[in-house]
């Protein structure tokens, strides 16, 4: 099966010029046209509209006036091109989330600790922007501040995830919290706090996955290199069911990155520094010990997988590694192929609409 991807990169202090198109042929051989990038500064995260041929991208910029959110559509020769940009409303936008019905787009800002909410048109275009969530006061008032990690000197909203069209969660690396908000019925641009999960000081929640009925939130913590399962207990009180390290006892420096389910129901986490992927089997609300897969490239920031292939963005290798998956869901990394991409940090498969 042939698949097309867009690969986001960091352009500052690298040889990258923006976003690159990667093609995977039916035999699993990757190819990239390095001479035809989509020009953009630090396009570090990309996401596709749930049912339109539209892709949203952040330009991760921390200095004034801050970053941008771009809208891309297919243009000439079936290639994507930027058709709209708006200021993201904060510093260092690093993550995007689209609501299931395609009504809203959330932009997370690492350095300003805020979340912007964009309303989307029927064509997927950006209509308006509001300041939905501001975590700066949550950082000032958080407990355990004295025991925090050196990188937790402020609120750092690292990602958001929609639970449904009216409810979303926020992972804040700086406050050691996962917070669930409702979109206000009177002012949709405002988030109304509903639930809070507090993590041990120095955890650094980064990214999350959501399963509903019952609600389960799977969170990877960048600073403590742990994975947690969150839910609601009696009287709808936030509880943590399990938390495990995504490293072995021999691992040293690491910053956990991406979290993803595979086609077999396993939970996967990327390890930057240990340069590995960890696979967890899920037994009810318990995580077993991780199985570690190496030869993933240097500093695997992001990865994507289906039942046939695994793609890993090795930022410091300047390449995307492509490995075939076995029938039982294991990547054959010893025979992986590589596609040259400067400073890759995000891999988006393009769904045919």
Protein backbone atom coordinates (compact mmCIF):
# COMPACT_ATOMS: atom_id res chain seq x y z
CA UNK A 1 0.00 0.00 0.00
CA UNK A 2 1.38 3.40 -0.98
CA UNK A 3 1.16 6.25 1.51
CA UNK A 4 2.00 9.94 1.42
CA UNK A 5 3.27 11.88 4.41
CA UNK A 6 4.15 15.43 5.34
CA UNK A 7 7.17 15.82 7.62
CA UNK A 8 7.48 18.84 9.90
CA UNK A 9 10.94 20.06 10.91
CA UNK A 10 12.88 22.63 12.87
CA UNK A 11 14.43 25.22 10.55
CA UNK A 12 16.26 27.43 13.07
CA UNK A 13 19.97 26.52 13.15
CA UNK A 14 19.43 23.58 10.76
CA UNK A 15 19.51 22.97 7.00
CA UNK A 16 15.74 22.60 6.82
CA UNK A 17 13.53 25.03 4.92
CA UNK A 18 10.11 23.84 6.11
CA UNK A 19 7.80 20.91 5.41
CA UNK A 20 8.81 17.99 3.20
CA UNK A 21 6.66 15.47 1.35
CA UNK A 22 7.59 11.82 1.90
CA UNK A 23 6.24 9.02 -0.28
CA UNK A 24 6.20 5.36 0.76
CA UNK A 25 5.72 3.00 -2.17
CA UNK A 26 3.99 -0.38 -2.09
CA UNK A 27 7.27 -2.09 -1.16
CA UNK A 28 7.92 0.21 1.80
CA UNK A 29 10.66 2.24 0.11
CA UNK A 30 10.64 5.94 1.13
CA UNK A 31 11.46 8.89 -1.09
CA UNK A 32 11.65 12.62 -0.35
CA UNK A 33 11.96 15.57 -2.72
CA UNK A 34 14.34 17.79 -0.79
CA UNK A 35 14.26 20.43 -3.55
CA UNK A 36 10.55 21.23 -3.12
CA UNK A 37 9.84 22.05 0.54
CA UNK A 38 6.83 24.01 1.71
CA UNK A 39 8.60 27.08 3.06
CA UNK A 40 7.80 27.78 6.71
CA UNK A 41 9.74 28.56 9.87
CA UNK A 42 9.81 25.75 12.47
CA UNK A 43 6.73 23.80 11.30
CA UNK A 44 7.01 21.48 14.30
CA UNK A 45 3.50 19.99 14.44
CA UNK A 46 0.92 19.13 11.77
CA UNK A 47 -2.61 17.71 11.93
CA UNK A 48 -5.27 16.98 9.31
CA UNK A 49 -8.93 18.03 9.46
CA UNK A 50 -11.11 15.01 10.41
CA UNK A 51 -12.92 14.87 7.06
CA UNK A 52 -11.51 17.59 4.78
CA UNK A 53 -8.40 17.71 2.62
CA UNK A 54 -6.97 20.41 4.90
CA UNK A 55 -3.83 20.36 7.06
CA UNK A 56 -3.03 22.71 9.94
CA UNK A 57 0.54 23.58 10.95
CA UNK A 58 2.16 25.55 13.75
CA UNK A 59 5.12 27.83 13.22
CA UNK A 60 6.91 27.41 16.55
CA UNK A 61 8.36 30.86 17.26
CA UNK A 62 9.07 32.14 20.76
CA UNK A 63 10.13 35.75 20.24
CA UNK A 64 7.67 38.62 19.75
CA UNK A 65 5.13 38.62 18.24
CA UNK A 66 4.91 34.86 18.68
CA UNK A 67 4.04 31.97 16.42
CA UNK A 68 1.50 31.32 13.69
CA UNK A 69 -1.02 28.72 12.63
CA UNK A 70 -1.18 27.94 8.91
CA UNK A 71 -3.82 26.25 6.78
CA UNK A 72 -2.69 24.12 3.84
CA UNK A 73 -4.71 22.73 0.92
CA UNK A 74 -3.84 20.72 -2.16
CA UNK A 75 -2.84 22.90 -5.06
CA UNK A 76 -1.15 22.40 -8.40
CA UNK A 77 0.28 18.95 -9.13
CA UNK A 78 -1.59 17.52 -6.11
CA UNK A 79 0.84 19.20 -3.72
CA UNK A 80 -0.08 21.01 -0.52
CA UNK A 81 0.42 24.75 -0.26
CA UNK A 82 -0.19 27.33 2.45
CA UNK A 83 -3.38 29.33 1.82
CA UNK A 84 -3.93 31.09 5.16
CA UNK A 85 -1.92 32.10 8.24
CA UNK A 86 -2.97 33.77 11.47
CA UNK A 87 -1.03 34.63 14.64
CA UNK A 88 -1.41 31.75 17.07
CA UNK A 89 -1.93 34.08 20.03
CA UNK A 90 1.06 32.99 22.10
CA UNK A 91 4.72 32.06 22.27
CA UNK A 92 6.10 28.80 20.88
CA UNK A 93 2.96 27.06 19.61
CA UNK A 94 3.95 23.39 19.67
CA UNK A 95 0.78 21.30 19.26
CA UNK A 96 -2.65 21.34 17.57
CA UNK A 97 -5.91 19.47 18.12
CA UNK A 98 -9.06 19.45 15.97
CA UNK A 99 -12.49 18.68 17.43
CA UNK A 100 -14.17 15.48 16.14
CA UNK A 101 -16.76 17.37 14.07
CA UNK A 102 -14.21 19.82 12.71
CA UNK A 103 -15.66 22.91 14.43
CA UNK A 104 -12.69 23.94 16.57
CA UNK A 105 -8.90 23.99 16.47
CA UNK A 106 -6.79 24.28 19.65
CA UNK A 107 -3.23 25.63 19.61
CA UNK A 108 -0.99 24.89 22.63
CA UNK A 109 1.74 27.38 23.56
CA UNK A 110 4.75 26.02 25.40
CA UNK A 111 6.40 29.28 26.46
CA UNK A 112 3.35 31.41 27.27
CA UNK A 113 1.39 28.61 28.99
CA UNK A 114 -1.79 29.36 27.05
CA UNK A 115 -4.24 27.68 24.68
CA UNK A 116 -5.92 29.47 21.76
CA UNK A 117 -9.23 28.31 20.28
CA UNK A 118 -9.89 28.87 16.57
CA UNK A 119 -13.35 28.48 15.09
CA UNK A 120 -13.28 26.69 11.72
CA UNK A 121 -15.41 27.34 8.64
CA UNK A 122 -17.21 24.71 6.60
CA UNK A 123 -14.19 24.69 4.26
CA UNK A 124 -11.78 24.21 7.20
CA UNK A 125 -10.48 27.77 7.14
CA UNK A 126 -9.67 29.74 10.29
CA UNK A 127 -12.49 32.17 11.13
CA UNK A 128 -11.68 33.65 14.52
CA UNK A 129 -9.37 33.17 17.52
CA UNK A 130 -9.99 33.46 21.24
CA UNK A 131 -7.80 32.97 24.33
CA UNK A 132 -9.32 29.80 25.70
CA UNK A 133 -7.04 28.78 28.61
CA UNK A 134 -4.32 30.61 30.55
CA UNK A 135 -2.26 28.49 32.97
CA UNK A 136 0.14 31.15 34.20
CA UNK A 137 -1.70 31.62 37.50
CA UNK A 138 -1.98 27.84 37.93
CA UNK A 139 1.82 27.66 37.88
CA UNK A 140 2.14 30.44 40.50
CA UNK A 141 -0.27 28.63 42.83
CA UNK A 142 0.79 25.04 42.23
CA UNK A 143 1.93 22.85 45.15
CA UNK A 144 5.39 21.30 45.31
CA UNK A 145 7.03 24.11 43.35
CA UNK A 146 10.24 23.87 45.40
CA UNK A 147 10.79 20.26 44.27
CA UNK A 148 10.14 20.91 40.61
CA UNK A 149 12.44 20.26 37.66
CA UNK A 150 14.65 23.16 36.40
CA UNK A 151 12.57 23.27 33.20
CA UNK A 152 9.40 23.90 35.22
CA UNK A 153 10.09 27.59 35.79
CA UNK A 154 6.72 28.53 34.27
CA UNK A 155 3.57 27.00 32.88
CA UNK A 156 4.40 25.05 29.71
CA UNK A 157 1.25 23.87 27.95
CA UNK A 158 2.61 21.10 25.74
CA UNK A 159 -0.53 19.65 24.16
CA UNK A 160 -4.30 19.46 24.09
CA UNK A 161 -6.63 16.64 23.13
CA UNK A 162 -10.38 16.76 22.44
CA UNK A 163 -12.53 14.27 24.35
CA UNK A 164 -15.58 15.31 22.34
CA UNK A 165 -16.69 18.47 20.55
CA UNK A 166 -17.29 20.33 23.82
CA UNK A 167 -14.62 18.93 26.13
CA UNK A 168 -10.83 18.80 25.94
CA UNK A 169 -7.79 18.13 28.10
CA UNK A 170 -4.57 20.07 28.54
CA UNK A 171 -1.14 18.60 29.40
CA UNK A 172 0.98 21.17 31.23
CA UNK A 173 4.63 20.22 31.62
CA UNK A 174 5.29 23.19 33.90
CA UNK A 175 2.46 22.73 36.43
CA UNK A 176 2.56 18.89 36.50
CA UNK A 177 -1.14 18.74 35.66
CA UNK A 178 -3.59 17.26 33.22
CA UNK A 179 -6.69 19.44 33.22
CA UNK A 180 -10.05 18.80 31.53
CA UNK A 181 -12.12 21.79 30.38
CA UNK A 182 -15.61 22.26 28.96
CA UNK A 183 -16.14 24.83 26.25
CA UNK A 184 -18.41 27.46 27.79
CA UNK A 185 -22.01 27.38 26.55
CA UNK A 186 -22.19 31.18 26.79
CA UNK A 187 -18.73 31.95 25.39
CA UNK A 188 -17.19 29.06 23.40
CA UNK A 189 -13.82 30.84 23.34
CA UNK A 190 -13.51 30.23 27.10
CA UNK A 191 -12.68 26.94 28.78
CA UNK A 192 -14.47 26.07 32.04
CA UNK A 193 -12.42 23.87 34.39
CA UNK A 194 -13.92 20.45 35.14
CA UNK A 195 -11.27 17.95 36.34
CA UNK A 196 -7.62 18.14 37.43
CA UNK A 197 -5.09 15.31 37.77
CA UNK A 198 -2.00 16.32 39.76
CA UNK A 199 1.27 14.52 39.02
CA UNK A 200 4.30 14.17 41.30
CA UNK A 201 6.56 17.19 41.13
CA UNK A 202 9.04 16.93 38.27
CA UNK A 203 6.83 14.71 36.05
CA UNK A 204 6.22 17.04 33.09
CA UNK A 205 3.08 15.72 31.31
CA UNK A 206 3.67 16.07 27.57
CA UNK A 207 1.18 14.23 25.31
CA UNK A 208 -1.96 12.18 25.89
CA UNK A 209 -4.32 9.70 24.27
CA UNK A 210 -8.02 9.40 25.13
CA UNK A 211 -10.39 6.46 25.22
CA UNK A 212 -14.01 6.97 26.23
CA UNK A 213 -16.72 4.96 28.03
CA UNK A 214 -15.24 4.69 30.53
CA UNK A 215 -12.92 7.65 30.24
CA UNK A 216 -9.26 6.69 30.21
CA UNK A 217 -6.41 9.13 29.56
CA UNK A 218 -2.94 7.76 28.77
CA UNK A 219 -0.23 10.34 29.46
CA UNK A 220 3.50 10.34 28.74
CA UNK A 221 5.59 12.48 31.10
CA UNK A 222 8.64 14.01 29.47
CA UNK A 223 10.69 14.76 32.60
CA UNK A 224 10.06 11.68 34.76
CA UNK A 225 9.91 9.34 31.72
CA UNK A 226 6.77 7.66 33.03
CA UNK A 227 3.46 6.67 31.46
CA UNK A 228 0.25 7.04 33.49
CA UNK A 229 -3.34 5.83 33.10
CA UNK A 230 -5.90 8.35 34.36
CA UNK A 231 -9.64 8.04 34.85
CA UNK A 232 -12.60 8.94 37.03
CA UNK A 233 -13.36 6.93 40.15
CA UNK A 234 -16.31 7.04 42.51
CA UNK A 235 -18.29 10.28 42.47
CA UNK A 236 -16.39 11.25 39.31
CA UNK A 237 -13.18 11.98 41.24
CA UNK A 238 -9.92 12.00 39.22
CA UNK A 239 -7.77 8.94 39.91
CA UNK A 240 -4.50 7.50 38.60
CA UNK A 241 -4.79 3.77 37.95
CA UNK A 242 -1.18 3.00 37.09
CA UNK A 243 2.14 4.65 36.25
CA UNK A 244 5.30 2.97 34.93
CA UNK A 245 8.71 3.98 33.64
CA UNK A 246 9.22 3.81 29.87
CA UNK A 247 12.93 3.02 30.38
CA UNK A 248 15.07 0.15 31.56
CA UNK A 249 17.22 0.32 34.68
CA UNK A 250 20.32 0.84 32.49
CA UNK A 251 19.00 4.00 30.81
CA UNK A 252 20.49 7.38 31.73
CA UNK A 253 19.48 10.72 30.18
CA UNK A 254 16.13 10.70 28.41
CA UNK A 255 13.19 12.93 27.48
CA UNK A 256 10.09 10.90 26.60
CA UNK A 257 8.35 12.19 23.49
CA UNK A 258 5.37 10.75 21.60
CA UNK A 259 2.66 8.30 22.72
CA UNK A 260 0.57 6.16 20.36
CA UNK A 261 -1.58 3.02 20.11
CA UNK A 262 -0.81 0.43 17.43
CA UNK A 263 -3.13 -1.82 15.45
CA UNK A 264 -2.71 -4.60 18.03
CA UNK A 265 -3.73 -2.50 21.03
CA UNK A 266 -0.24 -1.96 22.43
CA UNK A 267 0.80 1.42 23.80
CA UNK A 268 4.05 2.91 22.42
CA UNK A 269 6.27 5.73 23.70
CA UNK A 270 9.28 7.42 22.11
CA UNK A 271 12.48 7.85 24.13
CA UNK A 272 14.79 10.72 23.17
CA UNK A 273 18.25 10.20 24.61
CA UNK A 274 17.79 6.50 25.18
CA UNK A 275 16.97 6.55 21.43
CA UNK A 276 14.41 3.77 21.64
CA UNK A 277 10.71 2.98 21.51
CA UNK A 278 8.94 1.38 24.46
CA UNK A 279 5.93 -0.92 23.97
CA UNK A 280 3.45 -1.58 26.78
CA UNK A 281 0.79 -4.26 26.86
CA UNK A 282 -2.46 -3.07 28.43
CA UNK A 283 -4.18 -5.41 30.88
CA UNK A 284 -7.29 -3.65 32.13
CA UNK A 285 -5.99 -0.53 33.90
CA UNK A 286 -2.47 -1.84 34.39
CA UNK A 287 0.71 -1.33 32.41
CA UNK A 288 3.20 -4.16 32.21
CA UNK A 289 6.94 -3.64 32.01
CA UNK A 290 7.94 -2.08 28.70
CA UNK A 291 9.58 -3.94 25.84
CA UNK A 292 12.34 -1.75 24.41
CA UNK A 293 13.13 -1.48 20.67
CA UNK A 294 16.40 0.18 19.71
CA UNK A 295 18.03 1.24 16.39
CA UNK A 296 15.39 3.97 16.10
CA UNK A 297 17.75 6.77 15.15
CA UNK A 298 19.09 9.62 17.28
CA UNK A 299 16.60 11.58 19.38
CA UNK A 300 13.31 10.09 18.08
CA UNK A 301 11.01 13.07 18.52
CA UNK A 302 7.94 11.62 16.80
CA UNK A 303 6.77 8.40 15.18
CA UNK A 304 3.84 6.91 13.29
CA UNK A 305 2.78 3.32 12.70
CA UNK A 306 0.08 1.18 11.13
CA UNK A 307 -0.17 -2.56 10.65
CA UNK A 308 2.51 -2.57 7.96
CA UNK A 309 5.15 0.07 8.71
CA UNK A 310 6.76 2.16 11.45
CA UNK A 311 8.18 5.59 10.65
CA UNK A 312 10.43 7.35 13.19
CA UNK A 313 11.58 10.97 12.99
CA UNK A 314 15.20 11.00 14.18
CA UNK A 315 15.79 14.70 14.69
CA UNK A 316 19.54 14.46 15.26
CA UNK A 317 20.06 11.89 12.48
CA UNK A 318 18.38 14.14 9.90
CA UNK A 319 16.36 11.22 8.63
CA UNK A 320 13.09 9.34 8.86
CA UNK A 321 13.60 5.61 9.47
CA UNK A 322 11.11 3.19 7.94
CA UNK A 323 10.74 -0.33 9.31
CA UNK A 324 8.37 -3.12 8.33
CA UNK A 325 6.05 -4.45 11.03
CA UNK A 326 5.79 -8.18 11.65
CA UNK A 327 2.42 -9.90 11.95
CA UNK A 328 2.58 -9.71 15.74
CA UNK A 329 3.27 -5.95 15.65
CA UNK A 330 7.06 -5.79 16.10
CA UNK A 331 9.16 -3.43 13.95
CA UNK A 332 12.05 -5.00 12.04
CA UNK A 333 14.44 -2.15 12.83
CA UNK A 334 17.58 -4.05 11.87
CA UNK A 335 16.52 -3.86 8.21
CA UNK A 336 15.02 -0.36 8.36
CA UNK A 337 15.42 2.05 5.46
CA UNK A 338 16.15 5.76 5.82
CA UNK A 339 14.94 8.86 4.02
CA UNK A 340 16.99 12.03 4.38
CA UNK A 341 15.02 14.87 5.99
CA UNK A 342 16.76 17.70 7.87
CA UNK A 343 15.75 17.91 11.57
CA UNK A 344 12.45 15.99 11.31
CA UNK A 345 10.12 16.34 14.32
CA UNK A 346 6.62 15.40 13.11
CA UNK A 347 5.23 12.79 10.70
CA UNK A 348 1.70 13.22 9.34
CA UNK A 349 0.13 10.57 7.07
CA UNK A 350 -2.12 12.22 4.52
CA UNK A 351 -5.55 10.65 4.47
CA UNK A 352 -7.24 10.59 1.05
CA UNK A 353 -10.51 12.53 1.18
